[in-house]
Amino acid sequence: MMLDTTLFLERFAHAAARHADLAVQNLALTCDPEYVSVRNRFSQSLAETVICSSDGAFVTSWGYRLGSTDDVEGAAARLAYLLAAMPA
């Protein structure tokens, strides 16, 4: 069975947006690869692009594995930590 990366990126974007200091800049679901861009609301330089790999992992643009689709909230929390954001 093929993983629905679109669904999981939407869930990830929603989970990231729940963090007070994070803003979802872009949820790009019609490109290849699909991705979500998230930034710290208080810093233009604290931003990251995240994809959902076919094996079910959320991965940053520099290759850091945030977590799996089994724990979307945990993966979003790791990104918040990396972007120095307050907890949800």
PDB file of N, CA and C in Angstrom:
ATOM      1  N   MET A   1       0.837  -1.189   0.000  1.00  0.00           N
ATOM      2  CA  MET A   1       0.000   0.000   0.000  1.00  0.00           C
ATOM      3  C   MET A   1       0.878   1.248   0.000  1.00  0.00           C
ATOM      4  N   MET A   2       0.535   2.201  -0.828  1.00  0.00           N
ATOM      5  CA  MET A   2       1.313   3.423  -0.986  1.00  0.00           C
ATOM      6  C   MET A   2       0.932   4.444   0.093  1.00  0.00           C
ATOM      7  N   LEU A   3       1.921   5.100   0.662  1.00  0.00           N
ATOM      8  CA  LEU A   3       1.713   6.096   1.709  1.00  0.00           C
ATOM      9  C   LEU A   3       1.124   7.370   1.108  1.00  0.00           C
ATOM     10  N   ASP A   4       0.095   7.925   1.746  1.00  0.00           N
ATOM     11  CA  ASP A   4      -0.518   9.181   1.302  1.00  0.00           C
ATOM     12  C   ASP A   4       0.263  10.345   1.897  1.00  0.00           C
ATOM     13  N   THR A   5       1.348  10.731   1.236  1.00  0.00           N
ATOM     14  CA  THR A   5       2.208  11.787   1.758  1.00  0.00           C
ATOM     15  C   THR A   5       1.477  13.125   1.837  1.00  0.00           C
ATOM     16  N   THR A   6       0.540  13.362   0.941  1.00  0.00           N
ATOM     17  CA  THR A   6      -0.237  14.602   0.966  1.00  0.00           C
ATOM     18  C   THR A   6      -0.991  14.736   2.280  1.00  0.00           C
ATOM     19  N   LEU A   7      -1.673  13.689   2.664  1.00  0.00           N
ATOM     20  CA  LEU A   7      -2.434  13.688   3.913  1.00  0.00           C
ATOM     21  C   LEU A   7      -1.517  13.952   5.107  1.00  0.00           C
ATOM     22  N   PHE A   8      -0.379  13.298   5.137  1.00  0.00           N
ATOM     23  CA  PHE A   8       0.529  13.467   6.269  1.00  0.00           C
ATOM     24  C   PHE A   8       1.190  14.844   6.297  1.00  0.00           C
ATOM     25  N   LEU A   9       1.464  15.428   5.137  1.00  0.00           N
ATOM     26  CA  LEU A   9       1.996  16.790   5.126  1.00  0.00           C
ATOM     27  C   LEU A   9       0.946  17.784   5.619  1.00  0.00           C
ATOM     28  N   GLU A  10      -0.314  17.553   5.265  1.00  0.00           N
ATOM     29  CA  GLU A  10      -1.388  18.412   5.777  1.00  0.00           C
ATOM     30  C   GLU A  10      -1.474  18.300   7.296  1.00  0.00           C
ATOM     31  N   ARG A  11      -1.380  17.082   7.807  1.00  0.00           N
ATOM     32  CA  ARG A  11      -1.404  16.873   9.263  1.00  0.00           C
ATOM     33  C   ARG A  11      -0.205  17.531   9.933  1.00  0.00           C
ATOM     34  N   PHE A  12       0.959  17.409   9.301  1.00  0.00           N
ATOM     35  CA  PHE A  12       2.165  18.027   9.847  1.00  0.00           C
ATOM     36  C   PHE A  12       2.018  19.546   9.888  1.00  0.00           C
ATOM     37  N   ALA A  13       1.518  20.137   8.816  1.00  0.00           N
ATOM     38  CA  ALA A  13       1.324  21.590   8.764  1.00  0.00           C
ATOM     39  C   ALA A  13       0.367  22.032   9.871  1.00  0.00           C
ATOM     40  N   HIS A  14      -0.700  21.292  10.076  1.00  0.00           N
ATOM     41  CA  HIS A  14      -1.659  21.615  11.129  1.00  0.00           C
ATOM     42  C   HIS A  14      -0.999  21.526  12.508  1.00  0.00           C
ATOM     43  N   ALA A  15      -0.231  20.479  12.732  1.00  0.00           N
ATOM     44  CA  ALA A  15       0.450  20.302  14.024  1.00  0.00           C
ATOM     45  C   ALA A  15       1.480  21.404  14.250  1.00  0.00           C
ATOM     46  N   ALA A  16       2.207  21.779  13.223  1.00  0.00           N
ATOM     47  CA  ALA A  16       3.208  22.844  13.355  1.00  0.00           C
ATOM     48  C   ALA A  16       2.534  24.185  13.652  1.00  0.00           C
ATOM     49  N   ALA A  17       1.415  24.442  13.013  1.00  0.00           N
ATOM     50  CA  ALA A  17       0.702  25.709  13.203  1.00  0.00           C
ATOM     51  C   ALA A  17       0.154  25.858  14.618  1.00  0.00           C
ATOM     52  N   ARG A  18       0.002  24.758  15.329  1.00  0.00           N
ATOM     53  CA  ARG A  18      -0.480  24.810  16.712  1.00  0.00           C
ATOM     54  C   ARG A  18       0.567  25.375  17.668  1.00  0.00           C
ATOM     55  N   HIS A  19       1.821  25.413  17.249  1.00  0.00           N
ATOM     56  CA  HIS A  19       2.883  25.989  18.074  1.00  0.00           C
ATOM     57  C   HIS A  19       2.801  27.514  17.958  1.00  0.00           C
ATOM     58  N   ALA A  20       2.749  28.176  19.092  1.00  0.00           N
ATOM     59  CA  ALA A  20       2.501  29.615  19.136  1.00  0.00           C
ATOM     60  C   ALA A  20       3.487  30.432  18.305  1.00  0.00           C
ATOM     61  N   ASP A  21       4.727  30.012  18.248  1.00  0.00           N
ATOM     62  CA  ASP A  21       5.753  30.809  17.573  1.00  0.00           C
ATOM     63  C   ASP A  21       6.022  30.383  16.134  1.00  0.00           C
ATOM     64  N   LEU A  22       5.292  29.398  15.625  1.00  0.00           N
ATOM     65  CA  LEU A  22       5.527  28.932  14.267  1.00  0.00           C
ATOM     66  C   LEU A  22       4.428  29.408  13.318  1.00  0.00           C
ATOM     67  N   ALA A  23       4.821  29.641  12.089  1.00  0.00           N
ATOM     68  CA  ALA A  23       3.879  30.002  11.030  1.00  0.00           C
ATOM     69  C   ALA A  23       4.152  29.119   9.820  1.00  0.00           C
ATOM     70  N   VAL A  24       3.108  28.557   9.264  1.00  0.00           N
ATOM     71  CA  VAL A  24       3.245  27.783   8.035  1.00  0.00           C
ATOM     72  C   VAL A  24       3.259  28.779   6.887  1.00  0.00           C
ATOM     73  N   GLN A  25       4.360  28.817   6.161  1.00  0.00           N
ATOM     74  CA  GLN A  25       4.503  29.747   5.042  1.00  0.00           C
ATOM     75  C   GLN A  25       3.893  29.200   3.769  1.00  0.00           C
ATOM     76  N   ASN A  26       4.107  27.916   3.529  1.00  0.00           N
ATOM     77  CA  ASN A  26       3.668  27.336   2.267  1.00  0.00           C
ATOM     78  C   ASN A  26       3.400  25.851   2.457  1.00  0.00           C
ATOM     79  N   LEU A  27       2.289  25.405   1.942  1.00  0.00           N
ATOM     80  CA  LEU A  27       1.970  23.984   1.887  1.00  0.00           C
ATOM     81  C   LEU A  27       1.832  23.654   0.413  1.00  0.00           C
ATOM     82  N   ALA A  28       2.893  23.136  -0.172  1.00  0.00           N
ATOM     83  CA  ALA A  28       2.971  22.901  -1.611  1.00  0.00           C
ATOM     84  C   ALA A  28       2.673  21.431  -1.908  1.00  0.00           C
ATOM     85  N   LEU A  29       1.452  21.172  -2.344  1.00  0.00           N
ATOM     86  CA  LEU A  29       1.016  19.792  -2.550  1.00  0.00           C
ATOM     87  C   LEU A  29       0.868  19.426  -4.021  1.00  0.00           C
ATOM     88  N   THR A  30       1.188  20.356  -4.919  1.00  0.00           N
ATOM     89  CA  THR A  30       1.059  20.065  -6.347  1.00  0.00           C
ATOM     90  C   THR A  30       2.407  20.017  -7.056  1.00  0.00           C
ATOM     91  N   CYS A  31       3.486  19.995  -6.277  1.00  0.00           N
ATOM     92  CA  CYS A  31       4.821  19.916  -6.876  1.00  0.00           C
ATOM     93  C   CYS A  31       5.470  18.592  -6.488  1.00  0.00           C
ATOM     94  N   ASP A  32       6.639  18.345  -7.037  1.00  0.00           N
ATOM     95  CA  ASP A  32       7.356  17.112  -6.732  1.00  0.00           C
ATOM     96  C   ASP A  32       8.777  17.470  -6.306  1.00  0.00           C
ATOM     97  N   PRO A  33       9.152  17.291  -5.083  1.00  0.00           N
ATOM     98  CA  PRO A  33       8.364  16.673  -4.020  1.00  0.00           C
ATOM     99  C   PRO A  33       7.423  17.679  -3.354  1.00  0.00           C
ATOM    100  N   GLU A  34       6.376  17.170  -2.774  1.00  0.00           N
ATOM    101  CA  GLU A  34       5.470  17.992  -1.988  1.00  0.00           C
ATOM    102  C   GLU A  34       6.216  18.410  -0.719  1.00  0.00           C
ATOM    103  N   TYR A  35       5.892  19.592  -0.199  1.00  0.00           N
ATOM    104  CA  TYR A  35       6.593  20.051   0.998  1.00  0.00           C
ATOM    105  C   TYR A  35       5.745  21.043   1.772  1.00  0.00           C
ATOM    106  N   VAL A  36       6.180  21.310   2.986  1.00  0.00           N
ATOM    107  CA  VAL A  36       5.609  22.371   3.811  1.00  0.00           C
ATOM    108  C   VAL A  36       6.772  23.229   4.303  1.00  0.00           C
ATOM    109  N   SER A  37       6.604  24.542   4.213  1.00  0.00           N
ATOM    110  CA  SER A  37       7.605  25.485   4.720  1.00  0.00           C
ATOM    111  C   SER A  37       7.067  26.102   6.001  1.00  0.00           C
ATOM    112  N   VAL A  38       7.897  26.084   7.034  1.00  0.00           N
ATOM    113  CA  VAL A  38       7.508  26.595   8.346  1.00  0.00           C
ATOM    114  C   VAL A  38       8.609  27.538   8.825  1.00  0.00           C
ATOM    115  N   ARG A  39       8.205  28.621   9.498  1.00  0.00           N
ATOM    116  CA  ARG A  39       9.207  29.545  10.046  1.00  0.00           C
ATOM    117  C   ARG A  39       8.798  29.993  11.434  1.00  0.00           C
ATOM    118  N   ASN A  40       9.775  30.472  12.173  1.00  0.00           N
ATOM    119  CA  ASN A  40       9.537  31.107  13.452  1.00  0.00           C
ATOM    120  C   ASN A  40       8.916  32.472  13.145  1.00  0.00           C
ATOM    121  N   ARG A  41       7.807  32.800  13.784  1.00  0.00           N
ATOM    122  CA  ARG A  41       7.102  34.061  13.508  1.00  0.00           C
ATOM    123  C   ARG A  41       7.962  35.294  13.781  1.00  0.00           C
ATOM    124  N   PHE A  42       8.966  35.153  14.620  1.00  0.00           N
ATOM    125  CA  PHE A  42       9.755  36.300  15.043  1.00  0.00           C
ATOM    126  C   PHE A  42      11.115  36.389  14.359  1.00  0.00           C
ATOM    127  N   SER A  43      11.376  35.523  13.407  1.00  0.00           N
ATOM    128  CA  SER A  43      12.674  35.529  12.728  1.00  0.00           C
ATOM    129  C   SER A  43      12.522  35.026  11.296  1.00  0.00           C
ATOM    130  N   GLN A  44      12.939  35.836  10.351  1.00  0.00           N
ATOM    131  CA  GLN A  44      12.909  35.418   8.946  1.00  0.00           C
ATOM    132  C   GLN A  44      13.935  34.334   8.651  1.00  0.00           C
ATOM    133  N   SER A  45      15.016  34.289   9.440  1.00  0.00           N
ATOM    134  CA  SER A  45      16.082  33.327   9.163  1.00  0.00           C
ATOM    135  C   SER A  45      15.833  31.948   9.781  1.00  0.00           C
ATOM    136  N   LEU A  46      14.943  31.849  10.762  1.00  0.00           N
ATOM    137  CA  LEU A  46      14.627  30.558  11.369  1.00  0.00           C
ATOM    138  C   LEU A  46      13.448  29.941  10.627  1.00  0.00           C
ATOM    139  N   ALA A  47      13.778  29.217   9.570  1.00  0.00           N
ATOM    140  CA  ALA A  47      12.757  28.607   8.716  1.00  0.00           C
ATOM    141  C   ALA A  47      13.262  27.264   8.210  1.00  0.00           C
ATOM    142  N   GLU A  48      12.332  26.415   7.863  1.00  0.00           N
ATOM    143  CA  GLU A  48      12.706  25.087   7.368  1.00  0.00           C
ATOM    144  C   GLU A  48      11.632  24.566   6.418  1.00  0.00           C
ATOM    145  N   THR A  49      12.092  23.783   5.459  1.00  0.00           N
ATOM    146  CA  THR A  49      11.216  23.086   4.531  1.00  0.00           C
ATOM    147  C   THR A  49      11.237  21.609   4.885  1.00  0.00           C
ATOM    148  N   VAL A  50      10.058  20.997   4.935  1.00  0.00           N
ATOM    149  CA  VAL A  50       9.921  19.601   5.344  1.00  0.00           C
ATOM    150  C   VAL A  50       9.166  18.824   4.271  1.00  0.00           C
ATOM    151  N   ILE A  51       9.673  17.628   3.969  1.00  0.00           N
ATOM    152  CA  ILE A  51       8.979  16.712   3.064  1.00  0.00           C
ATOM    153  C   ILE A  51       8.553  15.481   3.850  1.00  0.00           C
ATOM    154  N   CYS A  52       7.671  14.709   3.266  1.00  0.00           N
ATOM    155  CA  CYS A  52       7.304  13.409   3.831  1.00  0.00           C
ATOM    156  C   CYS A  52       7.814  12.364   2.845  1.00  0.00           C
ATOM    157  N   SER A  53       8.774  11.566   3.282  1.00  0.00           N
ATOM    158  CA  SER A  53       9.372  10.564   2.396  1.00  0.00           C
ATOM    159  C   SER A  53       8.413   9.398   2.166  1.00  0.00           C
ATOM    160  N   SER A  54       8.674   8.634   1.161  1.00  0.00           N
ATOM    161  CA  SER A  54       7.812   7.494   0.827  1.00  0.00           C
ATOM    162  C   SER A  54       7.835   6.403   1.890  1.00  0.00           C
ATOM    163  N   ASP A  55       8.863   6.414   2.750  1.00  0.00           N
ATOM    164  CA  ASP A  55       8.912   5.425   3.835  1.00  0.00           C
ATOM    165  C   ASP A  55       8.273   5.944   5.121  1.00  0.00           C
ATOM    166  N   GLY A  56       7.620   7.131   5.049  1.00  0.00           N
ATOM    167  CA  GLY A  56       6.863   7.636   6.185  1.00  0.00           C
ATOM    168  C   GLY A  56       7.645   8.454   7.181  1.00  0.00           C
ATOM    169  N   ALA A  57       8.674   9.156   6.725  1.00  0.00           N
ATOM    170  CA  ALA A  57       9.467   9.999   7.612  1.00  0.00           C
ATOM    171  C   ALA A  57       9.341  11.459   7.196  1.00  0.00           C
ATOM    172  N   PHE A  58       9.263  12.348   8.181  1.00  0.00           N
ATOM    173  CA  PHE A  58       9.321  13.787   7.926  1.00  0.00           C
ATOM    174  C   PHE A  58      10.783  14.179   7.958  1.00  0.00           C
ATOM    175  N   VAL A  59      11.263  14.810   6.871  1.00  0.00           N
ATOM    176  CA  VAL A  59      12.681  15.096   6.702  1.00  0.00           C
ATOM    177  C   VAL A  59      12.855  16.566   6.317  1.00  0.00           C
ATOM    178  N   THR A  60      13.819  17.235   6.968  1.00  0.00           N
ATOM    179  CA  THR A  60      14.100  18.636   6.650  1.00  0.00           C
ATOM    180  C   THR A  60      14.877  18.736   5.344  1.00  0.00           C
ATOM    181  N   SER A  61      15.009  19.969   4.860  1.00  0.00           N
ATOM    182  CA  SER A  61      15.735  20.201   3.610  1.00  0.00           C
ATOM    183  C   SER A  61      17.207  19.824   3.713  1.00  0.00           C
ATOM    184  N   TRP A  62      17.756  19.782   4.899  1.00  0.00           N
ATOM    185  CA  TRP A  62      19.167  19.400   5.076  1.00  0.00           C
ATOM    186  C   TRP A  62      19.325  17.959   5.534  1.00  0.00           C
ATOM    187  N   GLY A  63      18.232  17.176   5.448  1.00  0.00           N
ATOM    188  CA  GLY A  63      18.320  15.741   5.668  1.00  0.00           C
ATOM    189  C   GLY A  63      18.087  15.252   7.080  1.00  0.00           C
ATOM    190  N   TYR A  64      17.692  16.140   7.992  1.00  0.00           N
ATOM    191  CA  TYR A  64      17.434  15.732   9.375  1.00  0.00           C
ATOM    192  C   TYR A  64      16.062  15.080   9.474  1.00  0.00           C
ATOM    193  N   ARG A  65      16.017  13.897  10.053  1.00  0.00           N
ATOM    194  CA  ARG A  65      14.756  13.155  10.203  1.00  0.00           C
ATOM    195  C   ARG A  65      14.064  13.619  11.474  1.00  0.00           C
ATOM    196  N   LEU A  66      12.907  14.263  11.319  1.00  0.00           N
ATOM    197  CA  LEU A  66      12.156  14.792  12.455  1.00  0.00           C
ATOM    198  C   LEU A  66      11.347  13.719  13.173  1.00  0.00           C
ATOM    199  N   GLY A  67      10.923  12.719  12.457  1.00  0.00           N
ATOM    200  CA  GLY A  67      10.095  11.661  13.028  1.00  0.00           C
ATOM    201  C   GLY A  67       9.282  10.993  11.938  1.00  0.00           C
ATOM    202  N   SER A  68       8.406  10.100  12.362  1.00  0.00           N
ATOM    203  CA  SER A  68       7.630   9.334  11.386  1.00  0.00           C
ATOM    204  C   SER A  68       6.168   9.764  11.381  1.00  0.00           C
ATOM    205  N   THR A  69       5.455   9.270  10.413  1.00  0.00           N
ATOM    206  CA  THR A  69       4.030   9.557  10.291  1.00  0.00           C
ATOM    207  C   THR A  69       3.232   8.913  11.417  1.00  0.00           C
ATOM    208  N   ASP A  70       3.855   8.018  12.161  1.00  0.00           N
ATOM    209  CA  ASP A  70       3.199   7.429  13.327  1.00  0.00           C
ATOM    210  C   ASP A  70       3.068   8.427  14.467  1.00  0.00           C
ATOM    211  N   ASP A  71       3.876   9.493  14.452  1.00  0.00           N
ATOM    212  CA  ASP A  71       3.858  10.502  15.504  1.00  0.00           C
ATOM    213  C   ASP A  71       4.030  11.895  14.890  1.00  0.00           C
ATOM    214  N   VAL A  72       2.995  12.361  14.232  1.00  0.00           N
ATOM    215  CA  VAL A  72       3.043  13.656  13.548  1.00  0.00           C
ATOM    216  C   VAL A  72       3.286  14.784  14.550  1.00  0.00           C
ATOM    217  N   GLU A  73       2.595  14.741  15.685  1.00  0.00           N
ATOM    218  CA  GLU A  73       2.759  15.783  16.711  1.00  0.00           C
ATOM    219  C   GLU A  73       4.203  15.834  17.218  1.00  0.00           C
ATOM    220  N   GLY A  74       4.803  14.670  17.427  1.00  0.00           N
ATOM    221  CA  GLY A  74       6.182  14.617  17.879  1.00  0.00           C
ATOM    222  C   GLY A  74       7.152  15.189  16.859  1.00  0.00           C
ATOM    223  N   ALA A  75       6.915  14.902  15.583  1.00  0.00           N
ATOM    224  CA  ALA A  75       7.770  15.433  14.520  1.00  0.00           C
ATOM    225  C   ALA A  75       7.648  16.954  14.454  1.00  0.00           C
ATOM    226  N   ALA A  76       6.430  17.474  14.582  1.00  0.00           N
ATOM    227  CA  ALA A  76       6.221  18.926  14.579  1.00  0.00           C
ATOM    228  C   ALA A  76       6.882  19.565  15.801  1.00  0.00           C
ATOM    229  N   ALA A  77       6.838  18.890  16.931  1.00  0.00           N
ATOM    230  CA  ALA A  77       7.480  19.399  18.144  1.00  0.00           C
ATOM    231  C   ALA A  77       8.996  19.460  17.974  1.00  0.00           C
ATOM    232  N   ARG A  78       9.582  18.487  17.283  1.00  0.00           N
ATOM    233  CA  ARG A  78      11.027  18.522  17.029  1.00  0.00           C
ATOM    234  C   ARG A  78      11.390  19.708  16.140  1.00  0.00           C
ATOM    235  N   LEU A  79      10.543  19.965  15.143  1.00  0.00           N
ATOM    236  CA  LEU A  79      10.796  21.122  14.291  1.00  0.00           C
ATOM    237  C   LEU A  79      10.680  22.411  15.104  1.00  0.00           C
ATOM    238  N   ALA A  80       9.684  22.494  15.961  1.00  0.00           N
ATOM    239  CA  ALA A  80       9.533  23.680  16.806  1.00  0.00           C
ATOM    240  C   ALA A  80      10.782  23.882  17.661  1.00  0.00           C
ATOM    241  N   TYR A  81      11.305  22.806  18.203  1.00  0.00           N
ATOM    242  CA  TYR A  81      12.524  22.880  19.008  1.00  0.00           C
ATOM    243  C   TYR A  81      13.691  23.410  18.163  1.00  0.00           C
ATOM    244  N   LEU A  82      13.836  22.885  16.951  1.00  0.00           N
ATOM    245  CA  LEU A  82      14.917  23.326  16.060  1.00  0.00           C
ATOM    246  C   LEU A  82      14.793  24.791  15.685  1.00  0.00           C
ATOM    247  N   LEU A  83      13.545  25.255  15.581  1.00  0.00           N
ATOM    248  CA  LEU A  83      13.301  26.655  15.200  1.00  0.00           C
ATOM    249  C   LEU A  83      13.112  27.545  16.420  1.00  0.00           C
ATOM    250  N   ALA A  84      13.486  27.047  17.587  1.00  0.00           N
ATOM    251  CA  ALA A  84      13.440  27.804  18.842  1.00  0.00           C
ATOM    252  C   ALA A  84      12.056  28.378  19.117  1.00  0.00           C
ATOM    253  N   ALA A  85      11.027  27.557  18.947  1.00  0.00           N
ATOM    254  CA  ALA A  85       9.650  27.994  19.176  1.00  0.00           C
ATOM    255  C   ALA A  85       9.137  27.454  20.500  1.00  0.00           C
ATOM    256  N   MET A  86       8.134  28.112  21.029  1.00  0.00           N
ATOM    257  CA  MET A  86       7.499  27.680  22.273  1.00  0.00           C
ATOM    258  C   MET A  86       6.668  26.420  22.015  1.00  0.00           C
ATOM    259  N   PRO A  87       6.506  25.568  23.021  1.00  0.00           N
ATOM    260  CA  PRO A  87       5.684  24.350  22.865  1.00  0.00           C
ATOM    261  C   PRO A  87       4.239  24.682  22.543  1.00  0.00           C
ATOM    262  N   ALA A  88       3.548  23.712  21.954  1.00  0.00           N
ATOM    263  CA  ALA A  88       2.128  23.894  21.613  1.00  0.00           C
ATOM    264  C   ALA A  88       1.302  23.973  22.872  1.00  0.00           C
TER     265      ALA A  88
END
